[in-house]
Amino acid sequence: MHKSLKEEQQLLQLQAEALRLKLLSNQMRRQQEKSGPDLLGLASQLPKAGLVWRLANMPRKLRNKLLLGAGLLAVLYLRF
């Protein structure tokens, strides 16, 4: 049996819409790749660098206690 012209037209419209969406998604992906690194992601890492710098400048005994405590908390977190 042959499909009616109306069904064929609807099928072609759906295929055209799917192709349009695929082209649009590829275009958006290329724009994101060209934009380079995410500035928001880089900005969110700045406080972490400050914490590491402050930790490095602390006295040795306090620094070792903090690192040991952080390690124990990490082990407890990963166990449960």
N, C-alpha and C. Protein backbone atom coordinates (compact mmCIF):
# COMPACT_ATOMS: atom_id res chain seq x y z
N MET A 1 0.83 -1.18 0.00
CA MET A 1 0.00 0.00 0.00
C MET A 1 0.87 1.25 0.00
N HIS A 2 0.42 2.27 -0.72
CA HIS A 2 1.14 3.53 -0.77
C HIS A 2 0.64 4.45 0.34
N LYS A 3 1.56 5.20 0.86
CA LYS A 3 1.19 6.18 1.89
C LYS A 3 0.46 7.33 1.23
N SER A 4 -0.39 7.93 1.99
CA SER A 4 -1.09 9.09 1.45
C SER A 4 -0.12 10.27 1.38
N LEU A 5 -0.46 11.23 0.58
CA LEU A 5 0.39 12.41 0.41
C LEU A 5 0.52 13.19 1.72
N LYS A 6 -0.52 13.20 2.52
CA LYS A 6 -0.49 13.92 3.79
C LYS A 6 0.51 13.28 4.75
N GLU A 7 0.52 11.96 4.80
CA GLU A 7 1.46 11.24 5.68
C GLU A 7 2.89 11.46 5.22
N GLU A 8 3.11 11.44 3.91
CA GLU A 8 4.45 11.68 3.38
C GLU A 8 4.92 13.09 3.70
N GLN A 9 4.01 14.06 3.59
CA GLN A 9 4.36 15.44 3.90
C GLN A 9 4.74 15.59 5.37
N GLN A 10 3.99 14.95 6.27
CA GLN A 10 4.30 15.01 7.69
C GLN A 10 5.64 14.35 7.99
N LEU A 11 5.92 13.23 7.33
CA LEU A 11 7.18 12.55 7.53
C LEU A 11 8.35 13.41 7.07
N LEU A 12 8.20 14.05 5.92
CA LEU A 12 9.25 14.93 5.43
C LEU A 12 9.46 16.14 6.35
N GLN A 13 8.38 16.68 6.90
CA GLN A 13 8.50 17.80 7.83
C GLN A 13 9.24 17.37 9.09
N LEU A 14 8.94 16.18 9.60
CA LEU A 14 9.63 15.68 10.79
C LEU A 14 11.12 15.44 10.52
N GLN A 15 11.42 14.91 9.35
CA GLN A 15 12.83 14.69 8.99
C GLN A 15 13.57 16.02 8.85
N ALA A 16 12.92 17.01 8.26
CA ALA A 16 13.54 18.33 8.10
C ALA A 16 13.77 18.97 9.47
N GLU A 17 12.82 18.82 10.39
CA GLU A 17 12.98 19.38 11.73
C GLU A 17 14.12 18.68 12.48
N ALA A 18 14.22 17.37 12.35
CA ALA A 18 15.30 16.63 12.99
C ALA A 18 16.66 17.07 12.44
N LEU A 19 16.75 17.25 11.14
CA LEU A 19 18.00 17.70 10.53
C LEU A 19 18.34 19.12 10.97
N ARG A 20 17.34 19.99 11.09
CA ARG A 20 17.57 21.36 11.54
C ARG A 20 18.11 21.37 12.97
N LEU A 21 17.53 20.54 13.84
CA LEU A 21 17.98 20.47 15.22
C LEU A 21 19.40 19.91 15.31
N LYS A 22 19.70 18.93 14.47
CA LYS A 22 21.05 18.35 14.48
C LYS A 22 22.08 19.39 14.04
N LEU A 23 21.77 20.15 13.00
CA LEU A 23 22.68 21.20 12.54
C LEU A 23 22.86 22.29 13.60
N LEU A 24 21.77 22.64 14.27
CA LEU A 24 21.85 23.65 15.32
C LEU A 24 22.71 23.17 16.48
N SER A 25 22.57 21.91 16.87
CA SER A 25 23.38 21.39 17.98
C SER A 25 24.86 21.34 17.59
N ASN A 26 25.16 20.97 16.35
CA ASN A 26 26.56 20.96 15.90
C ASN A 26 27.14 22.37 15.88
N GLN A 27 26.34 23.35 15.47
CA GLN A 27 26.80 24.73 15.45
C GLN A 27 27.08 25.22 16.86
N MET A 28 26.22 24.91 17.81
CA MET A 28 26.42 25.32 19.20
C MET A 28 27.66 24.65 19.80
N ARG A 29 27.89 23.39 19.46
CA ARG A 29 29.06 22.67 19.96
C ARG A 29 30.35 23.32 19.43
N ARG A 30 30.35 23.70 18.14
CA ARG A 30 31.52 24.34 17.57
C ARG A 30 31.79 25.70 18.22
N GLN A 31 30.73 26.45 18.52
CA GLN A 31 30.91 27.74 19.17
C GLN A 31 31.50 27.57 20.57
N GLN A 32 31.07 26.55 21.29
CA GLN A 32 31.60 26.31 22.63
C GLN A 32 33.07 25.91 22.56
N GLU A 33 33.44 25.13 21.55
CA GLU A 33 34.84 24.73 21.41
C GLU A 33 35.72 25.93 21.07
N LYS A 34 35.21 26.85 20.27
CA LYS A 34 35.98 28.03 19.88
C LYS A 34 36.12 29.02 21.02
N SER A 35 35.15 29.04 21.93
CA SER A 35 35.17 30.04 22.99
C SER A 35 36.30 29.82 23.97
N GLY A 36 36.91 28.65 23.99
CA GLY A 36 38.05 28.39 24.85
C GLY A 36 37.61 27.94 26.23
N PRO A 37 38.49 28.13 27.20
CA PRO A 37 38.18 27.66 28.55
C PRO A 37 37.02 28.44 29.18
N ASP A 38 36.32 27.78 30.04
CA ASP A 38 35.18 28.37 30.72
C ASP A 38 35.70 29.30 31.83
N LEU A 39 35.41 30.59 31.70
CA LEU A 39 35.91 31.56 32.67
C LEU A 39 35.30 31.36 34.04
N LEU A 40 34.05 30.92 34.08
CA LEU A 40 33.41 30.67 35.37
C LEU A 40 34.08 29.51 36.09
N GLY A 41 34.47 28.48 35.35
CA GLY A 41 35.18 27.36 35.95
C GLY A 41 36.54 27.76 36.49
N LEU A 42 37.22 28.63 35.76
CA LEU A 42 38.52 29.11 36.23
C LEU A 42 38.37 29.97 37.47
N ALA A 43 37.34 30.79 37.49
CA ALA A 43 37.12 31.67 38.64
C ALA A 43 36.76 30.87 39.88
N SER A 44 36.08 29.76 39.72
CA SER A 44 35.70 28.95 40.88
C SER A 44 36.90 28.25 41.49
N GLN A 45 37.99 28.11 40.76
CA GLN A 45 39.18 27.45 41.29
C GLN A 45 40.10 28.41 42.04
N LEU A 46 39.87 29.71 41.94
CA LEU A 46 40.74 30.68 42.61
C LEU A 46 40.73 30.54 44.14
N PRO A 47 39.58 30.41 44.80
CA PRO A 47 39.62 30.25 46.25
C PRO A 47 40.38 29.00 46.69
N LYS A 48 40.31 27.94 45.91
CA LYS A 48 41.04 26.71 46.25
C LYS A 48 42.54 26.96 46.25
N ALA A 49 43.01 27.73 45.30
CA ALA A 49 44.44 28.04 45.23
C ALA A 49 44.84 28.87 46.44
N GLY A 50 43.98 29.78 46.88
CA GLY A 50 44.27 30.58 48.06
C GLY A 50 44.36 29.72 49.31
N LEU A 51 43.47 28.73 49.42
CA LEU A 51 43.51 27.84 50.58
C LEU A 51 44.78 27.01 50.59
N VAL A 52 45.21 26.55 49.44
CA VAL A 52 46.44 25.77 49.35
C VAL A 52 47.63 26.65 49.74
N TRP A 53 47.64 27.90 49.29
CA TRP A 53 48.75 28.80 49.61
C TRP A 53 48.81 29.08 51.11
N ARG A 54 47.62 29.31 51.73
CA ARG A 54 47.59 29.54 53.17
C ARG A 54 48.04 28.31 53.94
N LEU A 55 47.64 27.12 53.47
CA LEU A 55 48.04 25.88 54.12
C LEU A 55 49.55 25.69 54.02
N ALA A 56 50.13 26.04 52.88
CA ALA A 56 51.58 25.88 52.70
C ALA A 56 52.36 26.82 53.61
N ASN A 57 51.79 27.96 53.95
CA ASN A 57 52.49 28.93 54.78
C ASN A 57 52.25 28.75 56.28
N MET A 58 51.45 27.78 56.67
CA MET A 58 51.19 27.54 58.09
C MET A 58 52.39 26.86 58.74
N PRO A 59 52.46 26.95 60.07
CA PRO A 59 53.50 26.21 60.76
C PRO A 59 53.35 24.71 60.53
N ARG A 60 54.47 24.00 60.56
CA ARG A 60 54.50 22.59 60.19
C ARG A 60 53.56 21.74 61.05
N LYS A 61 53.55 21.94 62.37
CA LYS A 61 52.72 21.11 63.25
C LYS A 61 51.24 21.29 62.93
N LEU A 62 50.81 22.52 62.79
CA LEU A 62 49.40 22.78 62.49
C LEU A 62 49.03 22.25 61.11
N ARG A 63 49.93 22.45 60.15
CA ARG A 63 49.67 21.97 58.80
C ARG A 63 49.51 20.46 58.78
N ASN A 64 50.38 19.73 59.49
CA ASN A 64 50.29 18.27 59.53
C ASN A 64 49.01 17.81 60.21
N LYS A 65 48.59 18.51 61.25
CA LYS A 65 47.34 18.15 61.93
C LYS A 65 46.15 18.35 61.00
N LEU A 66 46.15 19.45 60.30
CA LEU A 66 45.04 19.72 59.37
C LEU A 66 45.01 18.69 58.24
N LEU A 67 46.16 18.36 57.70
CA LEU A 67 46.21 17.37 56.62
C LEU A 67 45.78 16.00 57.11
N LEU A 68 46.19 15.62 58.32
CA LEU A 68 45.79 14.34 58.88
C LEU A 68 44.28 14.32 59.10
N GLY A 69 43.73 15.40 59.63
CA GLY A 69 42.29 15.48 59.84
C GLY A 69 41.52 15.41 58.53
N ALA A 70 42.00 16.10 57.51
CA ALA A 70 41.34 16.06 56.20
C ALA A 70 41.41 14.66 55.61
N GLY A 71 42.55 13.99 55.80
CA GLY A 71 42.69 12.62 55.30
C GLY A 71 41.74 11.66 56.00
N LEU A 72 41.62 11.81 57.32
CA LEU A 72 40.70 10.95 58.06
C LEU A 72 39.25 11.20 57.66
N LEU A 73 38.90 12.46 57.47
CA LEU A 73 37.54 12.76 57.00
C LEU A 73 37.27 12.18 55.62
N ALA A 74 38.26 12.22 54.75
CA ALA A 74 38.10 11.65 53.41
C ALA A 74 37.91 10.14 53.49
N VAL A 75 38.68 9.48 54.37
CA VAL A 75 38.53 8.03 54.52
C VAL A 75 37.16 7.69 55.07
N LEU A 76 36.69 8.44 56.07
CA LEU A 76 35.37 8.18 56.62
C LEU A 76 34.29 8.43 55.57
N TYR A 77 34.46 9.46 54.78
CA TYR A 77 33.47 9.78 53.75
C TYR A 77 33.42 8.68 52.69
N LEU A 78 34.58 8.16 52.31
CA LEU A 78 34.61 7.15 51.26
C LEU A 78 34.13 5.79 51.77
N ARG A 79 34.28 5.53 53.05
CA ARG A 79 33.84 4.25 53.61
C ARG A 79 32.34 4.17 53.71
N PHE A 80 31.68 5.29 54.02
CA PHE A 80 30.23 5.26 54.26
C PHE A 80 29.52 5.92 53.16
